[in-house]
Protein backbone atom coordinates (compact mmCIF):
# COMPACT_ATOMS: atom_id res chain seq x y z
CA MET A 1 212.66 115.46 90.78
CA LEU A 2 212.30 116.49 94.44
CA LEU A 3 211.01 120.00 92.84
CA TRP A 4 208.35 117.85 90.48
CA LEU A 5 207.43 116.01 92.95
CA LEU A 6 206.64 118.82 95.56
CA ILE A 7 204.76 120.89 92.34
CA ILE A 8 202.70 117.80 92.12
CA LEU A 9 202.18 117.33 95.76
CA THR A 10 201.29 121.07 95.54
CA LEU A 11 198.56 120.52 92.95
CA LEU A 12 196.99 117.39 94.05
CA CYS A 13 196.54 119.08 97.79
CA GLY A 14 195.17 122.30 96.09
CA PHE A 15 192.63 120.07 94.15
CA ILE A 16 191.31 117.83 97.45
CA PHE A 17 190.69 120.88 99.54
CA THR A 18 188.72 123.20 96.72
CA LYS A 19 186.26 120.32 95.23
CA THR A 20 182.90 121.59 95.21
CA THR A 21 181.79 118.29 97.64
CA LYS A 22 183.67 116.70 100.24
CA GLY A 23 183.19 113.41 98.75
CA ILE A 24 185.84 112.07 95.97
CA PRO A 25 184.30 112.30 92.11
CA LYS A 26 182.90 109.03 90.97
CA SER A 27 182.90 109.49 87.32
CA TRP A 28 184.75 110.92 84.69
CA PHE A 29 181.87 113.28 84.24
CA GLU A 30 182.56 114.41 87.68
CA TRP A 31 185.96 114.70 87.77
CA LYS A 32 185.70 116.74 84.71
CA THR A 33 183.12 119.07 86.53
CA GLU A 34 185.52 119.40 88.98
CA PHE A 35 188.50 120.37 86.69
CA ARG A 36 186.40 122.96 85.08
CA TYR A 37 185.55 124.24 88.66
CA GLN A 38 189.14 124.49 89.21
CA TYR A 39 189.86 126.39 86.38
CA LEU A 40 187.15 128.60 86.78
CA GLY A 41 187.87 129.37 90.12
CA ILE A 42 191.76 130.25 89.38
CA ALA A 43 190.92 132.68 86.43
CA GLY A 44 188.48 134.16 88.90
CA LEU A 45 190.84 134.64 91.25
CA ILE A 46 193.27 136.16 88.93
CA HIS A 47 190.11 138.34 87.49
CA ASP A 48 189.35 139.51 91.10
CA ALA A 49 193.22 140.69 91.75
CA GLN A 50 193.42 142.21 88.19
CA TYR A 51 190.74 144.34 88.19
CA ALA A 52 190.33 145.06 92.13
CA SER A 53 191.40 148.87 91.49
CA ARG A 54 187.89 149.32 89.46
CA ASP A 55 186.09 147.07 91.78
CA ARG A 56 184.35 150.33 93.78
CA VAL A 57 181.14 151.62 94.38
CA ALA A 58 180.36 155.24 95.18
CA LEU A 59 177.35 155.52 97.31
CA TYR A 60 175.31 158.83 97.47
CA LYS A 61 171.76 159.98 99.35
CA GLN A 62 169.14 158.49 97.81
CA PRO A 63 166.03 158.70 100.62
CA ASP A 64 163.44 158.60 97.89
CA ARG A 65 164.12 155.08 96.64
CA ILE A 66 163.02 151.83 97.84
CA ALA A 67 165.11 148.56 97.36
CA VAL A 68 164.12 145.12 97.93
CA ILE A 69 166.36 142.41 98.38
CA THR A 70 166.23 138.50 99.04
CA GLY A 71 168.42 137.15 101.79
CA GLY A 72 170.97 139.82 102.68
CA ASN A 73 171.22 138.49 106.51
CA ARG A 74 174.68 137.12 106.17
CA GLY A 75 177.59 137.48 103.44
CA ILE A 76 177.43 139.35 100.55
CA GLY A 77 173.73 140.48 101.21
CA LEU A 78 174.38 141.81 104.50
CA ARG A 79 177.00 144.30 103.26
CA ILE A 80 174.59 145.08 100.19
CA VAL A 81 172.42 145.90 102.66
CA GLU A 82 174.71 148.31 104.46
CA LYS A 83 175.40 150.01 101.47
CA LEU A 84 171.95 150.60 100.45
CA LEU A 85 170.98 152.00 104.20
CA ALA A 86 174.21 154.05 103.81
CA CYS A 87 172.39 155.96 100.68
CA ASP A 88 169.25 156.77 103.29
CA MET A 89 167.02 154.29 101.22
CA THR A 90 163.72 152.26 102.45
CA VAL A 91 165.46 148.59 102.54
CA ILE A 92 162.95 145.79 102.65
CA MET A 93 164.86 142.35 103.14
CA GLY A 94 162.78 139.03 102.05
CA VAL A 95 164.57 136.22 104.56
CA ARG A 96 163.49 133.30 106.19
CA ASP A 97 164.10 134.76 109.55
CA PRO A 98 162.92 138.44 109.82
CA ARG A 99 163.90 139.06 113.75
CA SER A 100 167.38 137.14 113.17
CA ALA A 101 168.03 139.03 110.08
CA GLU A 102 167.53 142.66 111.68
CA ASP A 103 169.57 141.56 114.67
CA ALA A 104 172.39 140.90 111.83
CA VAL A 105 172.31 143.98 110.16
CA GLY A 106 172.05 146.00 113.72
CA GLY A 107 175.38 143.99 114.34
CA ILE A 108 177.07 146.29 111.37
CA VAL A 109 174.93 149.20 111.40
CA ASP A 110 173.44 151.72 113.93
CA LEU A 111 169.91 151.32 113.06
CA SER A 112 168.89 153.93 115.98
CA GLN A 113 171.15 156.41 113.90
CA THR A 114 170.86 155.58 110.45
CA LYS A 115 168.40 157.75 108.05
CA GLY A 116 167.90 154.65 106.11
CA LYS A 117 164.69 152.42 107.11
CA LEU A 118 165.14 148.80 107.41
CA ILE A 119 162.00 146.21 106.98
CA CYS A 120 162.19 142.45 107.29
CA GLU A 121 159.72 140.28 105.87
CA GLN A 122 159.35 136.40 105.87
CA LEU A 123 160.20 135.35 102.49
CA ASP A 124 161.43 131.46 101.11
CA VAL A 125 162.36 132.46 97.97
CA GLY A 126 162.38 128.71 97.14
CA ASP A 127 158.62 128.32 97.83
CA MET A 128 156.17 129.92 95.10
CA LYS A 129 153.65 130.02 97.96
CA SER A 130 156.24 132.64 100.14
CA VAL A 131 157.01 134.52 97.02
CA ARG A 132 153.69 135.03 96.16
CA ALA A 133 152.48 135.93 99.92
CA PHE A 134 156.07 138.64 100.12
CA ALA A 135 155.31 140.21 96.72
CA GLN A 136 151.48 140.72 97.96
CA LYS A 137 152.44 142.51 100.77
CA ILE A 138 154.99 144.52 99.23
CA SER A 139 152.63 145.84 96.62
CA GLN A 140 149.88 146.60 99.21
CA THR A 141 152.58 148.58 101.43
CA TYR A 142 154.29 150.47 98.60
CA ALA A 143 153.19 152.33 95.42
CA LYS A 144 156.81 151.41 93.69
CA VAL A 145 160.03 149.69 93.97
CA ASP A 146 163.19 151.16 92.81
CA LEU A 147 165.87 148.39 93.13
CA LEU A 148 165.06 144.47 93.02
CA ILE A 149 168.44 142.58 94.02
CA ASN A 150 167.52 139.01 93.74
CA ASN A 151 170.75 137.65 95.68
CA ALA A 152 169.45 134.89 98.17
CA GLY A 153 171.18 131.42 96.95
CA ILE A 154 172.33 128.02 97.84
CA MET A 155 175.17 126.42 96.25
CA PHE A 156 176.83 122.75 95.93
CA ALA A 157 174.23 121.64 98.25
CA PRO A 158 172.69 118.06 98.32
CA PHE A 159 170.09 116.78 96.24
CA LYS A 160 166.70 118.16 97.76
CA LEU A 161 163.22 119.23 95.83
CA THR A 162 161.05 122.09 96.99
CA ALA A 163 157.73 121.69 98.59
CA ASP A 164 156.60 122.71 94.26
CA GLY A 165 158.85 119.63 92.97
CA TYR A 166 161.79 121.86 91.44
CA GLU A 167 165.42 120.85 92.66
CA SER A 168 166.36 123.26 95.29
CA HIS A 169 169.50 124.92 93.32
CA PHE A 170 167.32 125.49 90.45
CA ALA A 171 164.18 126.90 92.78
CA ILE A 172 165.82 129.19 95.11
CA ASN A 173 168.67 130.85 92.66
CA TYR A 174 166.81 130.99 89.87
CA LEU A 175 162.83 130.26 89.44
CA GLY A 176 162.00 132.09 92.80
CA HIS A 177 163.13 135.11 91.55
CA PHE A 178 161.66 134.96 88.08
CA MET A 179 158.49 134.50 89.92
CA LEU A 180 159.18 137.56 91.83
CA THR A 181 160.55 139.59 89.40
CA HIS A 182 157.40 139.01 87.23
CA LEU A 183 155.15 140.12 90.43
CA LEU A 184 157.14 143.00 91.12
CA LEU A 185 157.53 144.41 87.43
CA PRO A 186 154.06 146.44 87.70
CA LYS A 187 155.72 148.35 90.87
CA LEU A 188 159.57 148.49 89.18
CA ARG A 189 157.44 150.09 85.63
CA ALA A 190 156.09 152.79 88.27
CA ALA A 191 159.40 153.64 90.02
CA GLY A 192 161.23 154.13 86.59
CA LYS A 193 161.84 157.54 84.93
CA PRO A 194 163.37 158.81 81.79
CA GLY A 195 167.23 159.17 83.17
CA ARG A 196 166.60 157.42 86.11
CA ASN A 197 165.93 153.95 85.52
CA ALA A 198 164.17 151.42 88.10
CA ARG A 199 166.99 148.39 88.42
CA ILE A 200 166.58 144.90 88.73
CA VAL A 201 170.41 143.16 89.94
CA ASN A 202 170.13 139.55 89.41
CA VAL A 203 173.29 137.60 91.48
CA SER A 204 175.24 135.08 89.37
CA SER A 205 178.67 133.54 88.90
CA CYS A 206 181.35 133.08 87.16
CA VAL A 207 180.33 129.47 86.72
CA ASN A 208 177.95 130.04 84.46
CA LEU A 209 180.34 129.67 81.78
CA ILE A 210 180.33 126.06 82.02
CA GLY A 211 176.55 125.91 82.79
CA ARG A 212 174.20 124.02 80.78
CA ILE A 213 170.20 123.81 80.48
CA ASN A 214 169.21 120.24 80.84
CA TYR A 215 165.53 120.63 79.38
CA LYS A 216 165.29 116.94 79.68
CA ASP A 217 166.07 116.56 83.07
CA LEU A 218 166.10 120.11 84.82
CA ASN A 219 165.65 118.94 88.13
CA GLY A 220 168.27 116.27 88.19
CA LEU A 221 165.56 113.62 88.77
CA LYS A 222 167.82 111.17 86.74
CA TYR A 223 171.24 112.19 87.60
CA TYR A 224 172.57 114.87 90.07
CA TYR A 225 176.06 116.05 90.91
CA PRO A 226 176.03 119.56 92.88
CA GLY A 227 178.46 121.71 90.85
CA THR A 228 176.20 120.90 87.68
CA ALA A 229 172.95 121.66 89.49
CA TYR A 230 174.52 125.17 90.49
CA SER A 231 176.23 126.07 87.33
CA GLN A 232 172.77 125.56 85.48
CA SER A 233 170.82 127.71 87.80
CA LYS A 234 173.67 130.56 87.14
CA LEU A 235 173.42 130.34 83.61
CA ALA A 236 169.58 130.21 84.05
CA GLN A 237 169.90 133.80 85.96
CA ILE A 238 171.72 135.24 82.77
CA LEU A 239 169.54 133.93 79.82
CA PHE A 240 166.63 135.22 82.14
CA THR A 241 168.37 138.59 82.33
CA ARG A 242 168.99 138.93 78.78
CA HIS A 243 165.73 138.16 77.39
CA LEU A 244 163.88 140.15 79.91
CA GLN A 245 165.98 143.55 78.74
CA THR A 246 164.95 142.49 75.32
CA LEU A 247 161.33 142.76 76.58
CA LEU A 248 161.80 145.96 78.49
CA ASP A 249 163.45 147.92 75.77
CA ALA A 250 160.30 146.63 73.34
CA GLU A 251 157.67 148.69 75.41
CA LYS A 252 160.14 151.42 76.50
CA ALA A 253 159.92 150.63 80.01
CA ASN A 254 162.22 152.87 82.13
CA VAL A 255 163.68 149.58 84.21
CA GLN A 256 166.72 147.70 83.31
CA VAL A 257 168.09 144.51 84.71
CA ASN A 258 171.89 143.81 84.79
CA VAL A 259 173.43 140.32 85.97
CA VAL A 260 176.36 140.41 88.29
CA HIS A 261 179.28 137.85 89.51
CA PRO A 262 180.31 139.48 92.88
CA GLY A 263 183.53 137.78 92.57
CA ILE A 264 185.36 134.45 94.96
CA VAL A 265 184.03 135.26 98.05
CA ASP A 266 184.54 134.21 101.37
CA THR A 267 180.82 133.21 102.72
CA ASP A 268 178.87 130.35 104.11
CA LEU A 269 177.63 129.41 100.75
CA PHE A 270 180.93 127.15 100.37
CA GLU A 271 179.62 125.25 103.79
CA HIS A 272 179.10 122.25 101.58
CA SER A 273 182.68 122.07 99.82
CA ALA A 274 185.80 120.80 100.55
CA THR A 275 187.39 124.38 101.26
CA THR A 276 185.70 124.17 104.66
CA ALA A 277 188.95 122.20 105.57
CA VAL A 278 191.19 125.39 104.95
CA PRO A 279 189.45 128.15 105.98
CA PHE A 280 192.99 129.91 106.06
CA PHE A 281 193.13 129.71 102.27
CA LYS A 282 189.82 131.22 102.08
CA LYS A 283 190.54 134.59 104.09
CA LEU A 284 194.11 135.03 102.17
CA PHE A 285 192.73 134.87 98.42
CA PHE A 286 189.17 135.01 98.39
CA LYS A 287 187.41 138.33 98.59
CA THR A 288 185.79 139.75 101.68
CA PRO A 289 181.86 139.89 101.86
CA GLU A 290 182.23 143.62 101.71
CA ARG A 291 184.48 143.77 98.43
CA GLY A 292 182.12 140.97 97.27
CA SER A 293 178.69 143.42 97.83
CA ARG A 294 180.44 146.34 95.22
CA THR A 295 179.21 145.24 92.11
CA VAL A 296 176.34 144.59 93.11
CA VAL A 297 175.52 147.54 94.55
CA PHE A 298 177.56 149.28 91.54
CA ALA A 299 174.93 147.65 89.22
CA ALA A 300 172.00 148.69 91.60
CA ILE A 301 172.93 152.43 91.73
CA ASP A 302 175.82 153.74 89.41
CA PRO A 303 174.85 156.41 87.10
CA SER A 304 177.43 155.19 84.65
CA ILE A 305 175.50 152.21 83.50
CA GLU A 306 172.48 153.84 83.32
CA GLY A 307 170.52 152.57 80.42
CA GLN A 308 172.84 149.71 79.47
CA GLY A 309 170.78 146.88 81.05
CA GLY A 310 171.40 143.40 79.83
CA THR A 311 175.22 143.44 80.87
CA TYR A 312 177.15 140.71 82.81
CA LEU A 313 179.03 142.55 85.31
CA SER A 314 182.07 141.65 87.44
CA ASN A 315 184.86 143.46 89.20
CA GLY A 316 182.99 146.97 88.51
CA GLY A 317 183.20 146.39 84.91
CA LYS A 318 181.81 143.99 81.87
CA GLY A 319 182.47 140.51 82.22
CA PRO A 320 182.82 137.37 80.14
CA PHE A 321 179.58 135.14 80.04
CA HIS A 322 178.17 132.52 78.40
CA ALA A 323 177.81 131.84 74.45
CA ASP A 324 174.46 130.94 74.56
CA ALA A 325 173.15 133.79 76.65
CA LYS A 326 174.73 135.81 73.24
CA GLN A 327 171.86 133.76 71.26
CA PRO A 328 168.29 135.68 71.97
CA ALA A 329 166.65 132.73 70.54
CA LYS A 330 168.26 130.44 73.29
CA CYS A 331 167.29 133.28 75.84
CA GLU A 332 163.80 133.72 74.41
CA LYS A 333 163.49 129.62 74.32
CA PHE A 334 164.79 129.21 78.37
CA PHE A 335 162.01 132.10 79.52
CA GLU A 336 159.32 130.94 77.68
CA HIS A 337 159.92 127.53 79.26
CA SER A 338 160.18 129.04 82.70
CA CYS A 339 156.79 130.79 81.93
CA ALA A 340 155.34 127.61 80.99
CA LEU A 341 156.76 125.97 84.11
CA LEU A 342 155.23 128.56 86.29
CA LYS A 343 152.17 128.65 83.97
CA ILE A 344 152.84 132.56 83.59
CA LYS A 345 150.80 133.53 80.19
CA GLN A 346 151.90 137.25 80.43
CA TYR A 347 155.20 137.80 81.89
CA GLY A 348 155.58 141.24 84.29
CA ASN A 349 151.74 141.90 84.79
CA GLY A 350 151.71 141.41 88.58
CA GLU A 351 149.35 138.74 88.12
CA TYR A 352 149.92 135.40 90.43
CA PRO A 353 149.12 132.23 88.23
CA LEU A 354 146.37 129.95 88.91
């Protein structure tokens, strides 16, 4: 009896301190969402441990390549930038505060010694005007872009609408990157060559598996729960990836797009969750940001996946993803809906919609 009580107490404490929010769920839907997150979290930790040996990336010199990354001043993104600079690339970071971003990178990379080149530009990926200005600056400065890593994101944040009227998870995690990719695709096409594709990497999450695109309330105006908004944005990235690759294949472009789950990683993204009360738990069981960056960089540079666009990657290999993303019609429907939201008439022509 005492053993059962101990087990129940342990499970209860585990649930309380790993919730997506610091508050208590207020409805059966919210409880169900939390239970699903618990299940995926445990499954994710097991997957990270099971495939730790293949979670590797081999870095090699690529001084002729130009990489663009959103975010990158903390967490996984910072370690991605570190690896790209180790490949001697020109790395352009799109960040809210360029000066602090350069300082953050300088804290782990000797910028006076590296042969890579770091450029920090202002970008708020949740603001379409900022996305346009960032893309214009890159397009006017560089003849090509070899890598685009759509990395910036938020998680479990309180409800907020952006200046453009979109829910913040949907705007920052997905829609801003959808627009940025559209604007930079001409430069990516210019970079790609037979046998050496330009690459786009969308950083998603295993919680795409419980995501649902709520066409009737994409912005959560009628009902909002942080975990639901986050999983919707992560599923959105995968639907986008799958259909974009279909379009690129149809035009025979030397560009591939992949989507990555970096693992369960100990970063500041968990700041709105209950895990902040048990930091030792994250240190003990979660990946470090360095480990979390590996599959993202693998997707960006590894020769073994050349030509394998549209693939969902986790821990250095293929991973499970949402059933809707396996249905081309559903991917196309959401892609077209996204174009309609942003008034994009021809996706990938690099023109900013009026």
